């Protein structure tokens, strides 16, 4: 099971947040569940393969095609 110990703060329009929370509730999901799913889908789309829990940034960075300087990945604090 993945650890859920890091917080991500996102600033969005209050009306958009209200609609998002309403839609999540209609699907019996928490906003956190939906955001985690969206992030996982984004990662898998960019990697071109399923996300493997426990993968490190180094593992992912080494697996990406092309030059190592990937926007967003090299900006992460180590």
C-alpha atoms as a PDB file:
ATOM      1  CA  UNK A   1       0.000   0.000   0.000  1.00  0.00           C
ATOM      2  CA  UNK A   2       1.218   3.487  -0.812  1.00  0.00           C
ATOM      3  CA  UNK A   3       2.045   5.882   1.989  1.00  0.00           C
ATOM      4  CA  UNK A   4      -0.052   9.034   2.076  1.00  0.00           C
ATOM      5  CA  UNK A   5       2.078  11.330   4.151  1.00  0.00           C
ATOM      6  CA  UNK A   6       2.835  14.270   1.859  1.00  0.00           C
ATOM      7  CA  UNK A   7       0.497  17.218   1.548  1.00  0.00           C
ATOM      8  CA  UNK A   8      -0.133  19.007  -1.741  1.00  0.00           C
ATOM      9  CA  UNK A   9      -1.745  22.438  -1.521  1.00  0.00           C
ATOM     10  CA  UNK A  10      -3.644  23.597  -4.585  1.00  0.00           C
ATOM     11  CA  UNK A  11      -5.201  27.029  -4.952  1.00  0.00           C
ATOM     12  CA  UNK A  12      -8.387  26.997  -7.035  1.00  0.00           C
ATOM     13  CA  UNK A  13     -11.428  29.149  -7.526  1.00  0.00           C
ATOM     14  CA  UNK A  14     -13.901  28.615  -4.639  1.00  0.00           C
ATOM     15  CA  UNK A  15     -16.784  27.932  -7.045  1.00  0.00           C
ATOM     16  CA  UNK A  16     -14.760  25.318  -8.881  1.00  0.00           C
ATOM     17  CA  UNK A  17     -13.883  23.696  -5.529  1.00  0.00           C
ATOM     18  CA  UNK A  18     -17.542  23.613  -4.543  1.00  0.00           C
ATOM     19  CA  UNK A  19     -18.542  21.906  -7.808  1.00  0.00           C
ATOM     20  CA  UNK A  20     -15.611  19.476  -7.539  1.00  0.00           C
ATOM     21  CA  UNK A  21     -16.560  18.479  -3.988  1.00  0.00           C
ATOM     22  CA  UNK A  22     -20.199  18.038  -5.023  1.00  0.00           C
ATOM     23  CA  UNK A  23     -19.266  15.806  -7.965  1.00  0.00           C
ATOM     24  CA  UNK A  24     -16.930  13.744  -5.770  1.00  0.00           C
ATOM     25  CA  UNK A  25     -19.698  13.256  -3.204  1.00  0.00           C
ATOM     26  CA  UNK A  26     -22.129  12.143  -5.925  1.00  0.00           C
ATOM     27  CA  UNK A  27     -19.620   9.431  -6.864  1.00  0.00           C
ATOM     28  CA  UNK A  28     -19.079   8.521  -3.188  1.00  0.00           C
ATOM     29  CA  UNK A  29     -15.418   9.515  -3.401  1.00  0.00           C
ATOM     30  CA  UNK A  30     -13.421  11.998  -1.385  1.00  0.00           C
ATOM     31  CA  UNK A  31     -11.670  14.834  -3.200  1.00  0.00           C
ATOM     32  CA  UNK A  32      -8.358  13.322  -2.048  1.00  0.00           C
ATOM     33  CA  UNK A  33      -9.196   9.998  -3.696  1.00  0.00           C
ATOM     34  CA  UNK A  34      -9.997  11.717  -6.974  1.00  0.00           C
ATOM     35  CA  UNK A  35      -6.855  13.877  -6.904  1.00  0.00           C
ATOM     36  CA  UNK A  36      -4.662  10.828  -6.125  1.00  0.00           C
ATOM     37  CA  UNK A  37      -6.233   8.983  -9.067  1.00  0.00           C
ATOM     38  CA  UNK A  38      -5.697  11.948 -11.392  1.00  0.00           C
ATOM     39  CA  UNK A  39      -2.056  12.257 -10.334  1.00  0.00           C
ATOM     40  CA  UNK A  40      -1.473   8.522 -10.808  1.00  0.00           C
ATOM     41  CA  UNK A  41      -3.076   8.680 -14.289  1.00  0.00           C
ATOM     42  CA  UNK A  42      -0.903  11.694 -15.183  1.00  0.00           C
ATOM     43  CA  UNK A  43       2.268   9.869 -14.097  1.00  0.00           C
ATOM     44  CA  UNK A  44       1.303   6.698 -15.980  1.00  0.00           C
ATOM     45  CA  UNK A  45       0.467   8.698 -19.094  1.00  0.00           C
ATOM     46  CA  UNK A  46       3.868  10.404 -19.036  1.00  0.00           C
ATOM     47  CA  UNK A  47       5.795   7.211 -18.217  1.00  0.00           C
ATOM     48  CA  UNK A  48       3.887   5.151 -20.768  1.00  0.00           C
ATOM     49  CA  UNK A  49       3.422   2.336 -18.273  1.00  0.00           C
ATOM     50  CA  UNK A  50       1.684   1.573 -14.966  1.00  0.00           C
ATOM     51  CA  UNK A  51       2.974   3.279 -11.837  1.00  0.00           C
ATOM     52  CA  UNK A  52       4.754   0.923  -9.449  1.00  0.00           C
ATOM     53  CA  UNK A  53       4.289   1.908  -5.784  1.00  0.00           C
ATOM     54  CA  UNK A  54       7.651   2.447  -4.160  1.00  0.00           C
ATOM     55  CA  UNK A  55       9.395   3.710  -7.300  1.00  0.00           C
ATOM     56  CA  UNK A  56      11.872   6.466  -6.573  1.00  0.00           C
ATOM     57  CA  UNK A  57      12.350   9.667  -8.509  1.00  0.00           C
ATOM     58  CA  UNK A  58      15.760   8.375  -9.631  1.00  0.00           C
ATOM     59  CA  UNK A  59      14.187   5.190 -11.029  1.00  0.00           C
ATOM     60  CA  UNK A  60      11.551   7.178 -12.894  1.00  0.00           C
ATOM     61  CA  UNK A  61      14.031   9.773 -14.155  1.00  0.00           C
ATOM     62  CA  UNK A  62      16.355   7.064 -15.480  1.00  0.00           C
ATOM     63  CA  UNK A  63      13.457   5.355 -17.294  1.00  0.00           C
ATOM     64  CA  UNK A  64      12.358   8.457 -19.202  1.00  0.00           C
ATOM     65  CA  UNK A  65      13.450   8.722 -22.815  1.00  0.00           C
ATOM     66  CA  UNK A  66      15.411  11.689 -24.087  1.00  0.00           C
ATOM     67  CA  UNK A  67      17.598  14.153 -22.197  1.00  0.00           C
ATOM     68  CA  UNK A  68      17.677  13.992 -18.399  1.00  0.00           C
ATOM     69  CA  UNK A  69      16.504  17.572 -17.944  1.00  0.00           C
ATOM     70  CA  UNK A  70      12.769  16.991 -17.708  1.00  0.00           C
ATOM     71  CA  UNK A  71      10.674  20.023 -16.726  1.00  0.00           C
ATOM     72  CA  UNK A  72       9.212  19.482 -13.287  1.00  0.00           C
ATOM     73  CA  UNK A  73      11.193  16.356 -12.433  1.00  0.00           C
ATOM     74  CA  UNK A  74      14.584  17.995 -11.965  1.00  0.00           C
ATOM     75  CA  UNK A  75      13.071  20.783  -9.864  1.00  0.00           C
ATOM     76  CA  UNK A  76      12.186  18.431  -6.992  1.00  0.00           C
ATOM     77  CA  UNK A  77      14.170  18.926  -3.796  1.00  0.00           C
ATOM     78  CA  UNK A  78      16.161  15.881  -2.781  1.00  0.00           C
END
